[in-house]
Amino acid sequence: MKKQILGTGLGLFIARKIAEAHGGTVWAESAGVNQGSAFHMKVPVMKSRLDISKGLAILGCMEAAVVNHVYDVRMESHMTQEDLAAKVGVSRQTIIAIEKGNYVPSVLLALKISRFFKKPLDKIFYLSL
């Protein structure tokens, strides 16, 4: 006696629950008995927007900005923007843009600034949520 099992099985059941938890769906298609099956999962893609020039990251409903204390640290050291720029190998305009929050430096530049002032990176640059 051949037993025919109907249903999606445990694996597809789990996949369906995961997909539904993320706002998606799972379904199976078959042309008929002994014709094979195709299983599909569709979940929405969360779009993210990243504006590096202003240090703004929007992921879903969470917004974060990179904030810095470069101006304060520079003033404590009695340095001009020109001096700092020369020490870390960028233009004065780059230092101005960083201090105004109009530009987020690369990781390399942030590390150079941090090392120059002998301060931990997170004391100069931090993420504001």
N, C-alpha and C. Protein backbone atom coordinates (compact mmCIF):
# COMPACT_ATOMS: atom_id res chain seq x y z
N MET A 1 0.84 -1.18 0.00
CA MET A 1 0.00 0.00 0.00
C MET A 1 0.89 1.24 0.00
N LYS A 2 0.66 2.14 -0.92
CA LYS A 2 1.41 3.38 -1.04
C LYS A 2 0.66 4.47 -0.30
N LYS A 3 1.37 5.15 0.60
CA LYS A 3 0.74 6.21 1.38
C LYS A 3 1.08 7.55 0.76
N GLN A 4 0.09 8.35 0.49
CA GLN A 4 0.30 9.68 -0.07
C GLN A 4 0.26 10.70 1.07
N ILE A 5 1.30 11.49 1.19
CA ILE A 5 1.36 12.51 2.24
C ILE A 5 1.03 13.85 1.62
N LEU A 6 0.07 14.50 2.19
CA LEU A 6 -0.33 15.82 1.72
C LEU A 6 0.20 16.88 2.69
N GLY A 7 0.42 18.02 2.19
CA GLY A 7 0.86 19.12 3.05
C GLY A 7 2.23 19.62 2.64
N THR A 8 2.68 20.62 3.35
CA THR A 8 3.93 21.28 2.98
C THR A 8 5.14 20.76 3.71
N GLY A 9 4.96 19.94 4.73
CA GLY A 9 6.08 19.43 5.50
C GLY A 9 6.58 20.47 6.50
N LEU A 10 7.42 20.04 7.39
CA LEU A 10 7.90 20.91 8.45
C LEU A 10 8.81 22.01 7.94
N GLY A 11 9.71 21.70 7.01
CA GLY A 11 10.64 22.72 6.48
C GLY A 11 9.92 23.88 5.83
N LEU A 12 8.94 23.57 5.00
CA LEU A 12 8.19 24.62 4.33
C LEU A 12 7.32 25.39 5.34
N PHE A 13 6.83 24.68 6.34
CA PHE A 13 6.05 25.34 7.40
C PHE A 13 6.91 26.38 8.11
N ILE A 14 8.14 26.01 8.47
CA ILE A 14 9.05 26.94 9.14
C ILE A 14 9.41 28.10 8.22
N ALA A 15 9.70 27.79 6.97
CA ALA A 15 10.04 28.84 6.00
C ALA A 15 8.88 29.83 5.86
N ARG A 16 7.65 29.29 5.82
CA ARG A 16 6.47 30.16 5.70
C ARG A 16 6.34 31.07 6.91
N LYS A 17 6.56 30.55 8.11
CA LYS A 17 6.46 31.36 9.32
C LYS A 17 7.51 32.48 9.33
N ILE A 18 8.71 32.16 8.89
CA ILE A 18 9.77 33.18 8.82
C ILE A 18 9.41 34.25 7.80
N ALA A 19 8.96 33.82 6.62
CA ALA A 19 8.58 34.78 5.58
C ALA A 19 7.44 35.67 6.05
N GLU A 20 6.43 35.08 6.67
CA GLU A 20 5.28 35.86 7.14
C GLU A 20 5.68 36.85 8.23
N ALA A 21 6.63 36.46 9.07
CA ALA A 21 7.10 37.36 10.13
C ALA A 21 7.77 38.60 9.54
N HIS A 22 8.25 38.48 8.32
CA HIS A 22 8.91 39.61 7.65
C HIS A 22 8.02 40.23 6.57
N GLY A 23 6.74 39.92 6.60
CA GLY A 23 5.81 40.50 5.63
C GLY A 23 5.83 39.84 4.27
N GLY A 24 6.33 38.62 4.19
CA GLY A 24 6.42 37.93 2.91
C GLY A 24 5.52 36.71 2.84
N THR A 25 5.70 35.94 1.80
CA THR A 25 4.90 34.74 1.59
C THR A 25 5.78 33.61 1.05
N VAL A 26 5.27 32.38 1.20
CA VAL A 26 5.92 31.19 0.64
C VAL A 26 4.84 30.38 -0.05
N TRP A 27 5.15 29.81 -1.20
CA TRP A 27 4.20 28.95 -1.88
C TRP A 27 4.93 27.89 -2.68
N ALA A 28 4.19 26.86 -2.99
CA ALA A 28 4.73 25.74 -3.78
C ALA A 28 3.88 25.58 -5.03
N GLU A 29 4.53 25.17 -6.09
CA GLU A 29 3.83 24.93 -7.35
C GLU A 29 4.28 23.57 -7.90
N SER A 30 3.37 22.89 -8.55
CA SER A 30 3.69 21.61 -9.17
C SER A 30 2.80 21.41 -10.39
N ALA A 31 3.37 20.82 -11.44
CA ALA A 31 2.60 20.53 -12.65
C ALA A 31 1.74 19.28 -12.46
N GLY A 32 1.99 18.52 -11.40
CA GLY A 32 1.20 17.31 -11.14
C GLY A 32 2.04 16.25 -10.47
N VAL A 33 1.41 15.09 -10.24
CA VAL A 33 2.07 13.98 -9.57
C VAL A 33 3.29 13.55 -10.39
N ASN A 34 4.39 13.35 -9.69
CA ASN A 34 5.66 12.93 -10.29
C ASN A 34 6.24 13.95 -11.29
N GLN A 35 5.80 15.18 -11.19
CA GLN A 35 6.29 16.23 -12.08
C GLN A 35 7.26 17.19 -11.38
N GLY A 36 7.53 16.92 -10.12
CA GLY A 36 8.43 17.80 -9.36
C GLY A 36 7.67 18.99 -8.80
N SER A 37 8.33 19.71 -7.98
CA SER A 37 7.72 20.88 -7.33
C SER A 37 8.70 22.04 -7.34
N ALA A 38 8.15 23.21 -7.32
CA ALA A 38 8.96 24.44 -7.19
C ALA A 38 8.46 25.18 -5.95
N PHE A 39 9.38 25.58 -5.11
CA PHE A 39 9.04 26.30 -3.89
C PHE A 39 9.55 27.72 -4.00
N HIS A 40 8.71 28.66 -3.63
CA HIS A 40 9.03 30.08 -3.78
C HIS A 40 8.89 30.79 -2.44
N MET A 41 9.77 31.75 -2.21
CA MET A 41 9.66 32.61 -1.03
C MET A 41 9.82 34.04 -1.52
N LYS A 42 8.93 34.89 -1.05
CA LYS A 42 8.99 36.29 -1.43
C LYS A 42 8.92 37.12 -0.15
N VAL A 43 9.96 37.93 0.08
CA VAL A 43 9.98 38.83 1.24
C VAL A 43 10.35 40.22 0.74
N PRO A 44 9.75 41.23 1.34
CA PRO A 44 10.08 42.59 0.91
C PRO A 44 11.52 42.94 1.29
N VAL A 45 12.16 43.70 0.46
CA VAL A 45 13.52 44.15 0.72
C VAL A 45 13.43 45.48 1.45
N MET A 46 14.13 45.58 2.58
CA MET A 46 14.16 46.84 3.30
C MET A 46 15.17 47.74 2.60
N LYS A 47 14.69 48.84 2.13
CA LYS A 47 15.57 49.77 1.45
C LYS A 47 16.26 50.64 2.48
N SER A 48 17.53 50.85 2.27
CA SER A 48 18.28 51.74 3.15
C SER A 48 18.82 52.88 2.31
N ARG A 49 19.02 53.98 2.98
CA ARG A 49 19.57 55.15 2.31
C ARG A 49 20.78 55.59 3.12
N LEU A 50 21.86 55.82 2.43
CA LEU A 50 23.07 56.23 3.11
C LEU A 50 23.61 57.46 2.43
N ASP A 51 23.69 58.56 3.16
CA ASP A 51 24.24 59.80 2.63
C ASP A 51 25.56 60.04 3.34
N ILE A 52 26.63 59.51 2.77
CA ILE A 52 27.95 59.59 3.39
C ILE A 52 28.39 61.03 3.54
N SER A 53 28.07 61.89 2.59
CA SER A 53 28.56 63.26 2.65
C SER A 53 28.10 63.99 3.90
N LYS A 54 26.95 63.62 4.43
CA LYS A 54 26.45 64.28 5.64
C LYS A 54 26.43 63.35 6.84
N GLY A 55 26.95 62.15 6.68
CA GLY A 55 27.02 61.22 7.80
C GLY A 55 25.67 60.74 8.27
N LEU A 56 24.71 60.65 7.37
CA LEU A 56 23.35 60.27 7.73
C LEU A 56 23.05 58.89 7.19
N ALA A 57 22.60 58.01 8.06
CA ALA A 57 22.22 56.67 7.64
C ALA A 57 20.79 56.43 8.07
N ILE A 58 19.93 56.07 7.15
CA ILE A 58 18.55 55.76 7.48
C ILE A 58 18.31 54.31 7.11
N LEU A 59 18.07 53.48 8.09
CA LEU A 59 17.82 52.06 7.89
C LEU A 59 16.46 51.75 8.46
N GLY A 60 15.50 51.51 7.60
CA GLY A 60 14.14 51.31 8.08
C GLY A 60 13.66 52.58 8.76
N CYS A 61 13.34 52.49 10.03
CA CYS A 61 12.86 53.68 10.73
C CYS A 61 13.92 54.23 11.68
N MET A 62 15.14 53.74 11.61
CA MET A 62 16.20 54.21 12.49
C MET A 62 17.09 55.20 11.75
N GLU A 63 17.30 56.35 12.34
CA GLU A 63 18.14 57.36 11.72
C GLU A 63 19.33 57.63 12.62
N ALA A 64 20.50 57.73 12.04
CA ALA A 64 21.71 57.98 12.82
C ALA A 64 22.60 58.95 12.07
N ALA A 65 23.36 59.74 12.82
CA ALA A 65 24.29 60.68 12.21
C ALA A 65 25.63 60.58 12.91
N VAL A 66 26.71 60.79 12.15
CA VAL A 66 28.04 60.83 12.73
C VAL A 66 28.27 62.27 13.18
N VAL A 67 28.58 62.43 14.46
CA VAL A 67 28.82 63.73 15.06
C VAL A 67 30.29 63.79 15.45
N ASN A 68 30.87 64.99 15.47
CA ASN A 68 32.28 65.07 15.84
C ASN A 68 32.56 66.27 16.73
N HIS A 69 33.70 66.19 17.40
CA HIS A 69 34.19 67.26 18.27
C HIS A 69 35.54 67.78 17.76
N VAL A 70 35.75 67.75 16.47
CA VAL A 70 37.02 68.16 15.90
C VAL A 70 37.31 69.63 16.23
N TYR A 71 36.32 70.47 16.10
CA TYR A 71 36.52 71.90 16.40
C TYR A 71 36.99 72.07 17.84
N ASP A 72 36.29 71.45 18.78
CA ASP A 72 36.63 71.59 20.20
C ASP A 72 38.04 71.09 20.50
N VAL A 73 38.38 69.93 19.96
CA VAL A 73 39.70 69.34 20.20
C VAL A 73 40.78 70.21 19.56
N ARG A 74 40.48 70.72 18.39
CA ARG A 74 41.46 71.59 17.71
C ARG A 74 41.68 72.87 18.49
N MET A 75 40.60 73.45 19.01
CA MET A 75 40.72 74.70 19.79
C MET A 75 41.49 74.45 21.09
N GLU A 76 41.26 73.30 21.74
CA GLU A 76 42.02 72.96 22.96
C GLU A 76 43.52 72.90 22.68
N SER A 77 43.85 72.52 21.46
CA SER A 77 45.26 72.39 21.08
C SER A 77 45.81 73.68 20.47
N HIS A 78 45.00 74.73 20.41
CA HIS A 78 45.41 76.04 19.87
C HIS A 78 45.97 75.91 18.45
N MET A 79 45.24 75.17 17.62
CA MET A 79 45.66 74.94 16.24
C MET A 79 44.72 75.64 15.28
N THR A 80 45.25 76.01 14.14
CA THR A 80 44.40 76.53 13.08
C THR A 80 43.90 75.36 12.24
N GLN A 81 42.89 75.62 11.45
CA GLN A 81 42.40 74.59 10.52
C GLN A 81 43.50 74.23 9.53
N GLU A 82 44.25 75.22 9.11
CA GLU A 82 45.36 75.00 8.17
C GLU A 82 46.40 74.06 8.78
N ASP A 83 46.75 74.28 10.05
CA ASP A 83 47.74 73.42 10.71
C ASP A 83 47.26 71.97 10.79
N LEU A 84 46.04 71.79 11.23
CA LEU A 84 45.50 70.43 11.35
C LEU A 84 45.45 69.75 9.98
N ALA A 85 45.00 70.50 8.98
CA ALA A 85 44.92 69.95 7.63
C ALA A 85 46.29 69.45 7.16
N ALA A 86 47.31 70.24 7.41
CA ALA A 86 48.67 69.85 7.00
C ALA A 86 49.14 68.61 7.75
N LYS A 87 48.82 68.52 9.03
CA LYS A 87 49.26 67.38 9.85
C LYS A 87 48.61 66.06 9.43
N VAL A 88 47.35 66.13 8.95
CA VAL A 88 46.65 64.89 8.59
C VAL A 88 46.54 64.68 7.08
N GLY A 89 47.11 65.62 6.31
CA GLY A 89 47.21 65.44 4.86
C GLY A 89 45.95 65.71 4.06
N VAL A 90 45.19 66.72 4.47
CA VAL A 90 43.99 67.12 3.71
C VAL A 90 44.00 68.63 3.54
N SER A 91 43.00 69.14 2.84
CA SER A 91 42.90 70.59 2.65
C SER A 91 42.20 71.24 3.85
N ARG A 92 42.39 72.54 4.00
CA ARG A 92 41.71 73.29 5.05
C ARG A 92 40.20 73.20 4.86
N GLN A 93 39.75 73.19 3.60
CA GLN A 93 38.32 73.09 3.31
C GLN A 93 37.73 71.79 3.84
N THR A 94 38.53 70.72 3.80
CA THR A 94 38.05 69.44 4.34
C THR A 94 37.85 69.54 5.85
N ILE A 95 38.79 70.17 6.55
CA ILE A 95 38.65 70.36 8.00
C ILE A 95 37.43 71.22 8.30
N ILE A 96 37.22 72.28 7.54
CA ILE A 96 36.04 73.13 7.73
C ILE A 96 34.76 72.32 7.57
N ALA A 97 34.70 71.52 6.50
CA ALA A 97 33.49 70.72 6.24
C ALA A 97 33.25 69.70 7.35
N ILE A 98 34.32 69.08 7.87
CA ILE A 98 34.18 68.12 8.97
C ILE A 98 33.64 68.83 10.20
N GLU A 99 34.24 69.96 10.55
CA GLU A 99 33.84 70.70 11.75
C GLU A 99 32.40 71.18 11.68
N LYS A 100 31.94 71.56 10.50
CA LYS A 100 30.56 72.02 10.33
C LYS A 100 29.57 70.86 10.27
N GLY A 101 30.07 69.63 10.15
CA GLY A 101 29.19 68.48 10.03
C GLY A 101 28.67 68.26 8.64
N ASN A 102 29.29 68.91 7.66
CA ASN A 102 28.87 68.76 6.27
C ASN A 102 29.57 67.61 5.56
N TYR A 103 30.57 67.03 6.24
CA TYR A 103 31.35 65.95 5.62
C TYR A 103 31.78 64.98 6.72
N VAL A 104 31.60 63.71 6.45
CA VAL A 104 32.08 62.67 7.37
C VAL A 104 33.37 62.12 6.78
N PRO A 105 34.45 62.20 7.55
CA PRO A 105 35.72 61.72 7.00
C PRO A 105 35.74 60.21 6.84
N SER A 106 36.64 59.76 6.00
CA SER A 106 36.84 58.31 5.87
C SER A 106 37.34 57.77 7.20
N VAL A 107 37.29 56.46 7.34
CA VAL A 107 37.80 55.84 8.56
C VAL A 107 39.28 56.18 8.71
N LEU A 108 40.02 56.14 7.62
CA LEU A 108 41.45 56.45 7.67
C LEU A 108 41.69 57.86 8.18
N LEU A 109 40.96 58.83 7.65
CA LEU A 109 41.15 60.22 8.08
C LEU A 109 40.72 60.41 9.53
N ALA A 110 39.62 59.79 9.92
CA ALA A 110 39.18 59.88 11.32
C ALA A 110 40.24 59.31 12.25
N LEU A 111 40.85 58.20 11.86
CA LEU A 111 41.91 57.60 12.67
C LEU A 111 43.14 58.51 12.72
N LYS A 112 43.48 59.15 11.61
CA LYS A 112 44.62 60.08 11.60
C LYS A 112 44.37 61.25 12.55
N ILE A 113 43.16 61.80 12.51
CA ILE A 113 42.81 62.92 13.40
C ILE A 113 42.89 62.47 14.85
N SER A 114 42.32 61.33 15.13
CA SER A 114 42.33 60.77 16.48
C SER A 114 43.76 60.54 16.97
N ARG A 115 44.57 59.95 16.14
CA ARG A 115 45.97 59.67 16.52
C ARG A 115 46.75 60.97 16.72
N PHE A 116 46.52 61.95 15.84
CA PHE A 116 47.24 63.22 15.97
C PHE A 116 46.95 63.88 17.32
N PHE A 117 45.68 63.88 17.73
CA PHE A 117 45.32 64.51 19.00
C PHE A 117 45.54 63.59 20.20
N LYS A 118 45.96 62.35 19.95
CA LYS A 118 46.20 61.36 21.02
C LYS A 118 44.95 61.17 21.88
N LYS A 119 43.82 61.03 21.18
CA LYS A 119 42.54 60.80 21.85
C LYS A 119 41.87 59.58 21.23
N PRO A 120 41.09 58.84 22.03
CA PRO A 120 40.35 57.71 21.45
C PRO A 120 39.40 58.21 20.36
N LEU A 121 39.25 57.41 19.34
CA LEU A 121 38.39 57.78 18.21
C LEU A 121 36.99 58.19 18.66
N ASP A 122 36.42 57.43 19.61
CA ASP A 122 35.04 57.71 20.02
C ASP A 122 34.92 58.95 20.90
N LYS A 123 36.03 59.59 21.25
CA LYS A 123 35.97 60.87 21.97
C LYS A 123 35.91 62.04 20.99
N ILE A 124 36.22 61.75 19.74
CA ILE A 124 36.17 62.79 18.70
C ILE A 124 34.99 62.57 17.75
N PHE A 125 34.76 61.33 17.35
CA PHE A 125 33.67 60.98 16.45
C PHE A 125 32.75 59.98 17.15
N TYR A 126 31.44 60.18 17.01
CA TYR A 126 30.50 59.21 17.58
C TYR A 126 29.21 59.20 16.77
N LEU A 127 28.46 58.13 16.95
CA LEU A 127 27.20 57.95 16.25
C LEU A 127 26.06 58.44 17.12
N SER A 128 25.27 59.34 16.59
CA SER A 128 24.12 59.88 17.30
C SER A 128 22.87 59.22 16.75
N LEU A 129 22.14 58.50 17.59
CA LEU A 129 20.92 57.80 17.14
C LEU A 129 19.69 58.62 17.44
